[in-house]
Structure formats: C-alpha cells, structure tokens
Amino acid sequence: MNSRLLKIQNGFNFRELGGYQTQDGHHVKSHKIIRSGKLVDLSDQDLTYLADYGVIENIDFRSPKEAKNEPDRLSKGMSYIFDPVFRYDETESSHAEQKEDDDMAKVAGLGHKNMMSAYHNLITDTHPQKAYQQFFERLLTNTQDNQSILFHCSAGKDRTGIGAYLFLRALGVDAATAKQDYLLTNEVTRAAIQASLDQLNSKEPILVENVKALNSVNEDYLAQAMSDLKLMSGTVDNYLQEVLNLSTSDLNDLKKIYLTA
C-alpha cells in the first residue's frame, strides 16, 4: 500500500499531502491537508480515524446533485464547506459505469475527449475559478498545527487533482513532483478502476476504453489544463495571483502555514 494512503476502510483515494519537498528545500507539513474521494460510505471507525488524525474541515468540490445524492458523513467536530467546482459533474467519473450508451460504445476516444474538455473548463471557466478561490481562502484559515483540512470530489482525481496540483505549486513544489502526486491516483485506485470495468454489461473494447478514460487520470488531461493555464497567464504563479486572486502576502502565508521551517 502506498505510504500516502490513509487507513480508511470504506473510502478510497484518501491521501496525505504532507512530505513533498519544495524547490527551496522545505517540506509540506503532515497532518495539515488531505485529498480524497467521497465520504458517503465511511464507517464510524473511519470517522473516528479522521477525527483522531486532526481533520477539522471538509471542503466538498462536488456538484449539488452529487452532494445531495451521496451526502458526506462527517466526523465529530468537522465543519462542512460546500464549494462546487462544477454545477454538475462534467468529468462524469462518478457515474461512468452508466455510460453504456451508443456513443460510448461506438465512438473511439470519446471518453478521453470528454475529459480533455473537462480539464479545459477546470482552468478557463469562471465557476471553477471561483471555487478554487474559495478553496485557497479556506486553506489560509488552517493556522493551527496538527489540524487538517480535507478536500474532495467524487473520485478524488480530477477536481481534487487540479486543486492539489495548484496547492502544491503555490507552495513551491516543482511541476514534476506535483504531476507525480496527480498521477498517483491511478496507482492507488487501480482495483476500483478494474471493478468498474468488470461491472460493465458489455465488454465492447471501445466502451471499455472510454469508461477507463473517464475513471482514470492521464498525463494528457493535466497537460491540457496546464496548456490552457499558460495561454491565460503564462505561469502558474501568475494564474494564482491574477485569476485566483492570491496576493504575494497570501502565498507567503500559505507557505508559513503548510511548510516546515
């Protein structure tokens, strides 16, 4: 099991972001920030584990429909922040197993194409931009040591993946390391991805390919997002400041809160 995975029994892709090294030699603190998939299936034992781990706030990136259909279970003392990145689940990953329609079964590459479009929107649309602004605003309030903020979507891979990538880059983690964290989802959710493919009524190769594309992360998806970001702002730092409205003071405060001395 990957060392970043939290010991959650009835959830998936719960990962500690502590320990990553910045380009100037600092490290992200542990027990400060966690990325994950949905919380609807958590057991009482899981909730106790998160409370003991120090999780005090849960930021939910899911759409209103997703949050209503599968409401988060919260541990004692955990506050809930509803911060939908999309008005609906544009990534479609949370219900990819339902995509057995004619297009998904017949159009090769459609899943990949849809995900590329979703990642374009994650960076360029105003609704995701406002959601990520609020995300960083909440991160700036997490000033006590050994208290964690947890943020998540449904699968913990796309909306959450971009949020984690931008967070790590804001702290000064290099692009390759932030990308490595993004791609780690495929390793730690391999069994869940295979289970979703096994549940398909049809094993039509095009359908399997498309559903796998919807259930996975991909270097192409992140490259699409970063290409759009560079077209808009030139650099990640510029995007953080110009689009997400993080001031130089905000970025310095983030580093004080989340990095070792």
C-alpha atoms as a PDB file:
ATOM      1  CA  MET A   1       0.000   0.000   0.000  1.00  0.00           C
ATOM      2  CA  ASN A   2       1.283   3.458  -0.843  1.00  0.00           C
ATOM      3  CA  SER A   3       2.581   5.281   2.244  1.00  0.00           C
ATOM      4  CA  ARG A   4       0.459   8.345   1.460  1.00  0.00           C
ATOM      5  CA  LEU A   5      -2.801   6.425   1.721  1.00  0.00           C
ATOM      6  CA  LEU A   6      -4.724   6.926   4.934  1.00  0.00           C
ATOM      7  CA  LYS A   7      -6.061   3.813   6.650  1.00  0.00           C
ATOM      8  CA  ILE A   8      -9.657   4.343   5.590  1.00  0.00           C
ATOM      9  CA  GLN A   9     -11.686   1.147   5.240  1.00  0.00           C
ATOM     10  CA  ASN A  10     -14.822   2.321   3.429  1.00  0.00           C
ATOM     11  CA  GLY A  11     -13.462   5.074   1.218  1.00  0.00           C
ATOM     12  CA  PHE A  12     -10.858   5.405  -1.498  1.00  0.00           C
ATOM     13  CA  ASN A  13      -8.055   7.717  -2.569  1.00  0.00           C
ATOM     14  CA  PHE A  14      -7.661   9.309   0.897  1.00  0.00           C
ATOM     15  CA  ARG A  15      -4.126  10.709   0.682  1.00  0.00           C
ATOM     16  CA  GLU A  16      -1.814  12.770   2.847  1.00  0.00           C
ATOM     17  CA  LEU A  17      -0.151  15.660   1.010  1.00  0.00           C
ATOM     18  CA  GLY A  18       2.497  16.150   3.682  1.00  0.00           C
ATOM     19  CA  GLY A  19       6.135  15.339   2.982  1.00  0.00           C
ATOM     20  CA  TYR A  20       6.557  16.722  -0.516  1.00  0.00           C
ATOM     21  CA  GLN A  21       9.706  18.828  -0.860  1.00  0.00           C
ATOM     22  CA  THR A  22       9.703  22.330  -2.299  1.00  0.00           C
ATOM     23  CA  GLN A  23      12.322  23.637  -4.670  1.00  0.00           C
ATOM     24  CA  ASP A  24      13.950  25.615  -1.836  1.00  0.00           C
ATOM     25  CA  GLY A  25      14.261  22.608   0.470  1.00  0.00           C
ATOM     26  CA  HIS A  26      11.232  22.904   2.745  1.00  0.00           C
ATOM     27  CA  HIS A  27       8.642  20.148   3.156  1.00  0.00           C
ATOM     28  CA  VAL A  28       4.867  20.180   3.276  1.00  0.00           C
ATOM     29  CA  LYS A  29       3.759  19.532   6.862  1.00  0.00           C
ATOM     30  CA  SER A  30       1.922  16.321   7.670  1.00  0.00           C
ATOM     31  CA  HIS A  31      -1.489  16.335   9.348  1.00  0.00           C
ATOM     32  CA  LYS A  32      -2.392  19.600   7.597  1.00  0.00           C
ATOM     33  CA  ILE A  33      -4.099  18.733   4.309  1.00  0.00           C
ATOM     34  CA  ILE A  34      -5.711  15.607   2.849  1.00  0.00           C
ATOM     35  CA  ARG A  35      -7.187  14.898  -0.575  1.00  0.00           C
ATOM     36  CA  SER A  36      -9.796  12.197  -1.052  1.00  0.00           C
ATOM     37  CA  GLY A  37     -12.779  10.698  -2.794  1.00  0.00           C
ATOM     38  CA  LYS A  38     -16.349  10.876  -1.500  1.00  0.00           C
ATOM     39  CA  LEU A  39     -17.194  10.381   2.182  1.00  0.00           C
ATOM     40  CA  VAL A  40     -20.660   8.841   1.884  1.00  0.00           C
ATOM     41  CA  ASP A  41     -19.557   5.270   2.655  1.00  0.00           C
ATOM     42  CA  LEU A  42     -17.298   5.977   5.632  1.00  0.00           C
ATOM     43  CA  SER A  43     -17.782   3.762   8.668  1.00  0.00           C
ATOM     44  CA  ASP A  44     -17.961   5.044  12.228  1.00  0.00           C
ATOM     45  CA  GLN A  45     -14.423   3.730  12.640  1.00  0.00           C
ATOM     46  CA  ASP A  46     -13.310   5.743   9.605  1.00  0.00           C
ATOM     47  CA  LEU A  47     -14.884   8.888  11.055  1.00  0.00           C
ATOM     48  CA  THR A  48     -13.108   8.330  14.363  1.00  0.00           C
ATOM     49  CA  TYR A  49      -9.847   7.827  12.469  1.00  0.00           C
ATOM     50  CA  LEU A  50     -10.267  11.153  10.654  1.00  0.00           C
ATOM     51  CA  ALA A  51     -11.144  12.952  13.880  1.00  0.00           C
ATOM     52  CA  ASP A  52      -8.075  11.492  15.593  1.00  0.00           C
ATOM     53  CA  TYR A  53      -5.987  12.441  12.553  1.00  0.00           C
ATOM     54  CA  GLY A  54      -6.952  16.062  13.124  1.00  0.00           C
ATOM     55  CA  VAL A  55      -9.430  16.715  10.312  1.00  0.00           C
ATOM     56  CA  ILE A  56     -11.462  19.775  11.307  1.00  0.00           C
ATOM     57  CA  GLU A  57     -12.873  20.862   7.942  1.00  0.00           C
ATOM     58  CA  ASN A  58     -14.231  19.137   4.852  1.00  0.00           C
ATOM     59  CA  ILE A  59     -14.325  21.010   1.528  1.00  0.00           C
ATOM     60  CA  ASP A  60     -16.706  19.347  -0.933  1.00  0.00           C
ATOM     61  CA  PHE A  61     -15.973  20.084  -4.609  1.00  0.00           C
ATOM     62  CA  ARG A  62     -18.909  18.030  -5.912  1.00  0.00           C
ATOM     63  CA  SER A  63     -21.946  19.332  -7.758  1.00  0.00           C
ATOM     64  CA  PRO A  64     -25.214  19.997  -5.887  1.00  0.00           C
ATOM     65  CA  LYS A  65     -26.726  16.808  -7.338  1.00  0.00           C
ATOM     66  CA  GLU A  66     -23.775  14.660  -6.305  1.00  0.00           C
ATOM     67  CA  ALA A  67     -23.736  16.090  -2.784  1.00  0.00           C
ATOM     68  CA  LYS A  68     -27.484  15.559  -2.406  1.00  0.00           C
ATOM     69  CA  ASN A  69     -27.450  12.001  -3.751  1.00  0.00           C
ATOM     70  CA  GLU A  70     -24.434  10.894  -1.720  1.00  0.00           C
ATOM     71  CA  PRO A  71     -24.116  13.210   1.297  1.00  0.00           C
ATOM     72  CA  ASP A  72     -20.823  13.248   3.170  1.00  0.00           C
ATOM     73  CA  ARG A  73     -20.535  11.566   6.527  1.00  0.00           C
ATOM     74  CA  LEU A  74     -18.792  13.944   8.911  1.00  0.00           C
ATOM     75  CA  SER A  75     -16.768  13.134  11.995  1.00  0.00           C
ATOM     76  CA  LYS A  76     -17.378  14.915  15.280  1.00  0.00           C
ATOM     77  CA  GLY A  77     -16.130  18.489  15.147  1.00  0.00           C
ATOM     78  CA  MET A  78     -15.665  18.501  11.356  1.00  0.00           C
ATOM     79  CA  SER A  79     -17.133  21.552   9.621  1.00  0.00           C
ATOM     80  CA  TYR A  80     -18.541  21.265   6.098  1.00  0.00           C
ATOM     81  CA  ILE A  81     -17.807  23.709   3.277  1.00  0.00           C
ATOM     82  CA  PHE A  82     -19.804  23.191   0.079  1.00  0.00           C
ATOM     83  CA  ASP A  83     -17.642  24.506  -2.767  1.00  0.00           C
ATOM     84  CA  PRO A  84     -18.880  23.009  -6.069  1.00  0.00           C
ATOM     85  CA  VAL A  85     -16.273  23.256  -8.815  1.00  0.00           C
ATOM     86  CA  PHE A  86     -18.888  22.494 -11.473  1.00  0.00           C
ATOM     87  CA  ARG A  87     -22.636  22.985 -11.400  1.00  0.00           C
ATOM     88  CA  TYR A  88     -22.813  19.331 -12.436  1.00  0.00           C
ATOM     89  CA  ASP A  89     -20.225  16.561 -12.723  1.00  0.00           C
ATOM     90  CA  GLU A  90     -18.565  17.494 -16.012  1.00  0.00           C
ATOM     91  CA  THR A  91     -15.918  14.824 -15.542  1.00  0.00           C
ATOM     92  CA  GLU A  92     -18.690  12.195 -15.395  1.00  0.00           C
ATOM     93  CA  SER A  93     -16.327   9.947 -13.452  1.00  0.00           C
ATOM     94  CA  SER A  94     -18.754   9.409 -10.601  1.00  0.00           C
ATOM     95  CA  HIS A  95     -21.235   7.688 -12.871  1.00  0.00           C
ATOM     96  CA  ALA A  96     -19.007   6.416 -15.658  1.00  0.00           C
ATOM     97  CA  GLU A  97     -20.384   2.924 -15.159  1.00  0.00           C
ATOM     98  CA  GLN A  98     -23.706   4.189 -16.514  1.00  0.00           C
ATOM     99  CA  LYS A  99     -22.183   5.323 -19.783  1.00  0.00           C
ATOM    100  CA  GLU A 100     -23.207   2.291 -21.795  1.00  0.00           C
ATOM    101  CA  ASP A 101     -24.931   4.334 -24.472  1.00  0.00           C
ATOM    102  CA  ASP A 102     -24.407   4.208 -28.203  1.00  0.00           C
ATOM    103  CA  ASP A 103     -21.779   6.933 -28.298  1.00  0.00           C
ATOM    104  CA  MET A 104     -19.585   5.456 -25.577  1.00  0.00           C
ATOM    105  CA  ALA A 105     -19.817   2.020 -27.160  1.00  0.00           C
ATOM    106  CA  LYS A 106     -19.199   3.180 -30.724  1.00  0.00           C
ATOM    107  CA  VAL A 107     -17.050   6.332 -30.711  1.00  0.00           C
ATOM    108  CA  ALA A 108     -13.425   5.518 -30.017  1.00  0.00           C
ATOM    109  CA  GLY A 109     -11.654   8.108 -27.890  1.00  0.00           C
ATOM    110  CA  LEU A 110     -14.854   9.790 -26.696  1.00  0.00           C
ATOM    111  CA  GLY A 111     -14.059   9.313 -23.006  1.00  0.00           C
ATOM    112  CA  HIS A 112     -10.615  10.844 -23.484  1.00  0.00           C
ATOM    113  CA  LYS A 113     -12.094  13.716 -25.499  1.00  0.00           C
ATOM    114  CA  ASN A 114     -14.700  14.464 -22.824  1.00  0.00           C
ATOM    115  CA  MET A 115     -12.059  14.507 -20.115  1.00  0.00           C
ATOM    116  CA  MET A 116      -9.833  16.846 -22.123  1.00  0.00           C
ATOM    117  CA  SER A 117     -12.786  19.214 -22.413  1.00  0.00           C
ATOM    118  CA  ALA A 118     -13.496  18.981 -18.683  1.00  0.00           C
ATOM    119  CA  TYR A 119      -9.895  19.852 -17.823  1.00  0.00           C
ATOM    120  CA  HIS A 120     -10.021  22.803 -20.201  1.00  0.00           C
ATOM    121  CA  ASN A 121     -13.083  24.012 -18.320  1.00  0.00           C
ATOM    122  CA  LEU A 122     -11.463  23.440 -14.918  1.00  0.00           C
ATOM    123  CA  ILE A 123      -8.925  26.130 -15.745  1.00  0.00           C
ATOM    124  CA  THR A 124     -10.806  28.526 -18.016  1.00  0.00           C
ATOM    125  CA  ASP A 125     -14.402  28.663 -16.709  1.00  0.00           C
ATOM    126  CA  THR A 126     -15.321  31.251 -14.107  1.00  0.00           C
ATOM    127  CA  HIS A 127     -17.269  28.814 -11.904  1.00  0.00           C
ATOM    128  CA  PRO A 128     -14.276  26.533 -11.215  1.00  0.00           C
ATOM    129  CA  GLN A 129     -12.074  29.599 -10.796  1.00  0.00           C
ATOM    130  CA  LYS A 130     -14.358  30.952  -8.063  1.00  0.00           C
ATOM    131  CA  ALA A 131     -14.463  27.536  -6.398  1.00  0.00           C
ATOM    132  CA  TYR A 132     -10.677  27.303  -6.306  1.00  0.00           C
ATOM    133  CA  GLN A 133     -10.525  30.868  -4.975  1.00  0.00           C
ATOM    134  CA  GLN A 134     -12.712  29.804  -2.063  1.00  0.00           C
ATOM    135  CA  PHE A 135     -10.585  26.674  -1.626  1.00  0.00           C
ATOM    136  CA  PHE A 136      -7.468  28.780  -1.112  1.00  0.00           C
ATOM    137  CA  GLU A 137      -9.347  31.175   1.164  1.00  0.00           C
ATOM    138  CA  ARG A 138     -10.218  28.231   3.406  1.00  0.00           C
ATOM    139  CA  LEU A 139      -6.658  26.900   3.297  1.00  0.00           C
ATOM    140  CA  LEU A 140      -5.423  30.239   4.630  1.00  0.00           C
ATOM    141  CA  THR A 141      -7.530  29.787   7.788  1.00  0.00           C
ATOM    142  CA  ASN A 142      -5.869  26.480   8.757  1.00  0.00           C
ATOM    143  CA  THR A 143      -3.298  28.044  11.067  1.00  0.00           C
ATOM    144  CA  GLN A 144      -3.157  25.528  13.949  1.00  0.00           C
ATOM    145  CA  ASP A 145      -0.564  22.748  13.806  1.00  0.00           C
ATOM    146  CA  ASN A 146      -1.848  19.169  13.556  1.00  0.00           C
ATOM    147  CA  GLN A 147      -5.220  20.297  12.272  1.00  0.00           C
ATOM    148  CA  SER A 148      -6.106  19.119   8.780  1.00  0.00           C
ATOM    149  CA  ILE A 149      -8.374  20.295   6.010  1.00  0.00           C
ATOM    150  CA  LEU A 150      -9.764  17.539   3.799  1.00  0.00           C
ATOM    151  CA  PHE A 151     -10.905  18.357   0.266  1.00  0.00           C
ATOM    152  CA  HIS A 152     -12.591  16.013  -2.145  1.00  0.00           C
ATOM    153  CA  CYS A 153     -14.887  15.387  -5.100  1.00  0.00           C
ATOM    154  CA  SER A 154     -16.423  12.029  -6.042  1.00  0.00           C
ATOM    155  CA  ALA A 155     -13.410  10.009  -7.161  1.00  0.00           C
ATOM    156  CA  GLY A 156     -10.798  12.377  -5.763  1.00  0.00           C
ATOM    157  CA  LYS A 157      -8.999  12.600  -9.081  1.00  0.00           C
ATOM    158  CA  ASP A 158      -9.990  15.493 -11.381  1.00  0.00           C
ATOM    159  CA  ARG A 159     -11.487  18.437  -9.495  1.00  0.00           C
ATOM    160  CA  THR A 160      -9.478  17.338  -6.474  1.00  0.00           C
ATOM    161  CA  GLY A 161      -6.433  16.570  -8.607  1.00  0.00           C
ATOM    162  CA  ILE A 162      -6.266  20.073 -10.051  1.00  0.00           C
ATOM    163  CA  GLY A 163      -6.862  21.564  -6.602  1.00  0.00           C
ATOM    164  CA  ALA A 164      -3.975  19.540  -5.177  1.00  0.00           C
ATOM    165  CA  TYR A 165      -1.729  20.408  -8.119  1.00  0.00           C
ATOM    166  CA  LEU A 166      -2.344  24.142  -7.755  1.00  0.00           C
ATOM    167  CA  PHE A 167      -1.860  23.918  -3.981  1.00  0.00           C
ATOM    168  CA  LEU A 168       1.490  22.138  -4.272  1.00  0.00           C
ATOM    169  CA  ARG A 169       2.719  24.536  -6.938  1.00  0.00           C
ATOM    170  CA  ALA A 170       1.639  27.510  -4.787  1.00  0.00           C
ATOM    171  CA  LEU A 171       3.935  26.197  -2.044  1.00  0.00           C
ATOM    172  CA  GLY A 172       6.887  25.941  -4.408  1.00  0.00           C
ATOM    173  CA  VAL A 173       6.769  22.217  -5.178  1.00  0.00           C
ATOM    174  CA  ASP A 174       8.157  21.659  -8.678  1.00  0.00           C
ATOM    175  CA  ALA A 175       5.928  20.709 -11.590  1.00  0.00           C
ATOM    176  CA  ALA A 176       7.267  17.158 -11.887  1.00  0.00           C
ATOM    177  CA  THR A 177       6.534  16.343  -8.235  1.00  0.00           C
ATOM    178  CA  ALA A 178       3.063  17.896  -8.369  1.00  0.00           C
ATOM    179  CA  LYS A 179       2.389  15.871 -11.516  1.00  0.00           C
ATOM    180  CA  GLN A 180       3.578  12.724  -9.741  1.00  0.00           C
ATOM    181  CA  ASP A 181       1.007  13.327  -6.999  1.00  0.00           C
ATOM    182  CA  TYR A 182      -1.695  13.844  -9.624  1.00  0.00           C
ATOM    183  CA  LEU A 183      -0.848  10.574 -11.399  1.00  0.00           C
ATOM    184  CA  LEU A 184      -0.674   8.624  -8.136  1.00  0.00           C
ATOM    185  CA  THR A 185      -4.463   8.276  -8.307  1.00  0.00           C
ATOM    186  CA  ASN A 186      -4.126   5.587 -10.990  1.00  0.00           C
ATOM    187  CA  GLU A 187      -1.888   3.504  -8.737  1.00  0.00           C
ATOM    188  CA  VAL A 188      -3.975   3.734  -5.587  1.00  0.00           C
ATOM    189  CA  THR A 189      -7.346   3.280  -7.315  1.00  0.00           C
ATOM    190  CA  ARG A 190      -6.308   0.532  -9.729  1.00  0.00           C
ATOM    191  CA  ALA A 191      -8.597  -2.019  -8.085  1.00  0.00           C
ATOM    192  CA  ALA A 192     -11.567   0.373  -8.123  1.00  0.00           C
ATOM    193  CA  ILE A 193     -10.980   1.192 -11.788  1.00  0.00           C
ATOM    194  CA  GLN A 194     -10.867  -2.502 -12.671  1.00  0.00           C
ATOM    195  CA  ALA A 195     -14.018  -3.153 -10.634  1.00  0.00           C
ATOM    196  CA  SER A 196     -15.902  -0.510 -12.618  1.00  0.00           C
ATOM    197  CA  LEU A 197     -14.795  -2.164 -15.860  1.00  0.00           C
ATOM    198  CA  ASP A 198     -15.776  -5.613 -14.581  1.00  0.00           C
ATOM    199  CA  GLN A 199     -19.297  -4.330 -13.864  1.00  0.00           C
ATOM    200  CA  LEU A 200     -19.915  -3.327 -17.472  1.00  0.00           C
ATOM    201  CA  ASN A 201     -22.625  -5.416 -19.092  1.00  0.00           C
ATOM    202  CA  SER A 202     -20.816  -5.136 -22.403  1.00  0.00           C
ATOM    203  CA  LYS A 203     -17.110  -5.788 -22.855  1.00  0.00           C
ATOM    204  CA  GLU A 204     -17.057  -3.958 -26.188  1.00  0.00           C
ATOM    205  CA  PRO A 205     -13.434  -2.713 -26.446  1.00  0.00           C
ATOM    206  CA  ILE A 206     -14.421   0.850 -27.361  1.00  0.00           C
ATOM    207  CA  LEU A 207     -16.761   1.053 -24.367  1.00  0.00           C
ATOM    208  CA  VAL A 208     -14.119  -0.362 -22.018  1.00  0.00           C
ATOM    209  CA  GLU A 209     -11.586   2.148 -23.336  1.00  0.00           C
ATOM    210  CA  ASN A 210     -13.970   5.066 -22.861  1.00  0.00           C
ATOM    211  CA  VAL A 211     -15.058   4.098 -19.358  1.00  0.00           C
ATOM    212  CA  LYS A 212     -11.432   3.577 -18.339  1.00  0.00           C
ATOM    213  CA  ALA A 213     -10.638   7.063 -19.646  1.00  0.00           C
ATOM    214  CA  LEU A 214     -13.433   8.513 -17.505  1.00  0.00           C
ATOM    215  CA  ASN A 215     -12.274   6.636 -14.406  1.00  0.00           C
ATOM    216  CA  SER A 216      -8.553   7.413 -14.666  1.00  0.00           C
ATOM    217  CA  VAL A 217      -6.202  10.349 -14.585  1.00  0.00           C
ATOM    218  CA  ASN A 218      -3.947  10.918 -17.564  1.00  0.00           C
ATOM    219  CA  GLU A 219      -0.875  12.980 -18.363  1.00  0.00           C
ATOM    220  CA  ASP A 220      -2.815  14.332 -21.342  1.00  0.00           C
ATOM    221  CA  TYR A 221      -5.540  15.743 -19.086  1.00  0.00           C
ATOM    222  CA  LEU A 222      -3.082  17.605 -16.874  1.00  0.00           C
ATOM    223  CA  ALA A 223      -1.164  18.793 -19.937  1.00  0.00           C
ATOM    224  CA  GLN A 224      -4.414  20.205 -21.349  1.00  0.00           C
ATOM    225  CA  ALA A 225      -5.068  22.112 -18.129  1.00  0.00           C
ATOM    226  CA  MET A 226      -1.527  23.471 -17.968  1.00  0.00           C
ATOM    227  CA  SER A 227      -1.594  24.454 -21.643  1.00  0.00           C
ATOM    228  CA  ASP A 228      -4.748  26.469 -21.049  1.00  0.00           C
ATOM    229  CA  LEU A 229      -3.259  27.979 -17.902  1.00  0.00           C
ATOM    230  CA  LYS A 230      -0.159  29.107 -19.782  1.00  0.00           C
ATOM    231  CA  LEU A 231      -2.261  30.625 -22.559  1.00  0.00           C
ATOM    232  CA  MET A 232      -4.218  32.588 -19.958  1.00  0.00           C
ATOM    233  CA  SER A 233      -1.496  33.620 -17.545  1.00  0.00           C
ATOM    234  CA  GLY A 234       1.916  32.460 -18.707  1.00  0.00           C
ATOM    235  CA  THR A 235       2.889  30.775 -15.435  1.00  0.00           C
ATOM    236  CA  VAL A 236       1.224  29.019 -12.513  1.00  0.00           C
ATOM    237  CA  ASP A 237       2.263  31.863 -10.204  1.00  0.00           C
ATOM    238  CA  ASN A 238       0.600  34.401 -12.480  1.00  0.00           C
ATOM    239  CA  TYR A 239      -2.556  32.277 -12.638  1.00  0.00           C
ATOM    240  CA  LEU A 240      -2.687  32.011  -8.863  1.00  0.00           C
ATOM    241  CA  GLN A 241      -2.353  35.763  -8.488  1.00  0.00           C
ATOM    242  CA  GLU A 242      -4.284  37.085 -11.491  1.00  0.00           C
ATOM    243  CA  VAL A 243      -7.102  34.517 -11.791  1.00  0.00           C
ATOM    244  CA  LEU A 244      -7.414  33.069  -8.280  1.00  0.00           C
ATOM    245  CA  ASN A 245      -6.663  36.438  -6.654  1.00  0.00           C
ATOM    246  CA  LEU A 246      -3.928  35.233  -4.321  1.00  0.00           C
ATOM    247  CA  SER A 247      -1.720  38.122  -3.245  1.00  0.00           C
ATOM    248  CA  THR A 248       2.003  37.828  -2.570  1.00  0.00           C
ATOM    249  CA  SER A 249       1.106  38.045   1.109  1.00  0.00           C
ATOM    250  CA  ASP A 250      -1.400  35.192   0.711  1.00  0.00           C
ATOM    251  CA  LEU A 251       1.201  32.988  -0.947  1.00  0.00           C
ATOM    252  CA  ASN A 252       3.710  33.748   1.807  1.00  0.00           C
ATOM    253  CA  ASP A 253       1.082  32.935   4.441  1.00  0.00           C
ATOM    254  CA  LEU A 254       0.313  29.614   2.727  1.00  0.00           C
ATOM    255  CA  LYS A 255       3.975  28.699   2.964  1.00  0.00           C
ATOM    256  CA  LYS A 256       4.112  29.674   6.640  1.00  0.00           C
ATOM    257  CA  ILE A 257       1.050  27.538   7.377  1.00  0.00           C
ATOM    258  CA  TYR A 258       1.872  24.438   5.321  1.00  0.00           C
ATOM    259  CA  LEU A 259       5.682  24.238   5.117  1.00  0.00           C
ATOM    260  CA  THR A 260       8.265  23.205   7.668  1.00  0.00           C
ATOM    261  CA  ALA A 261      10.635  25.939   8.835  1.00  0.00           C
END
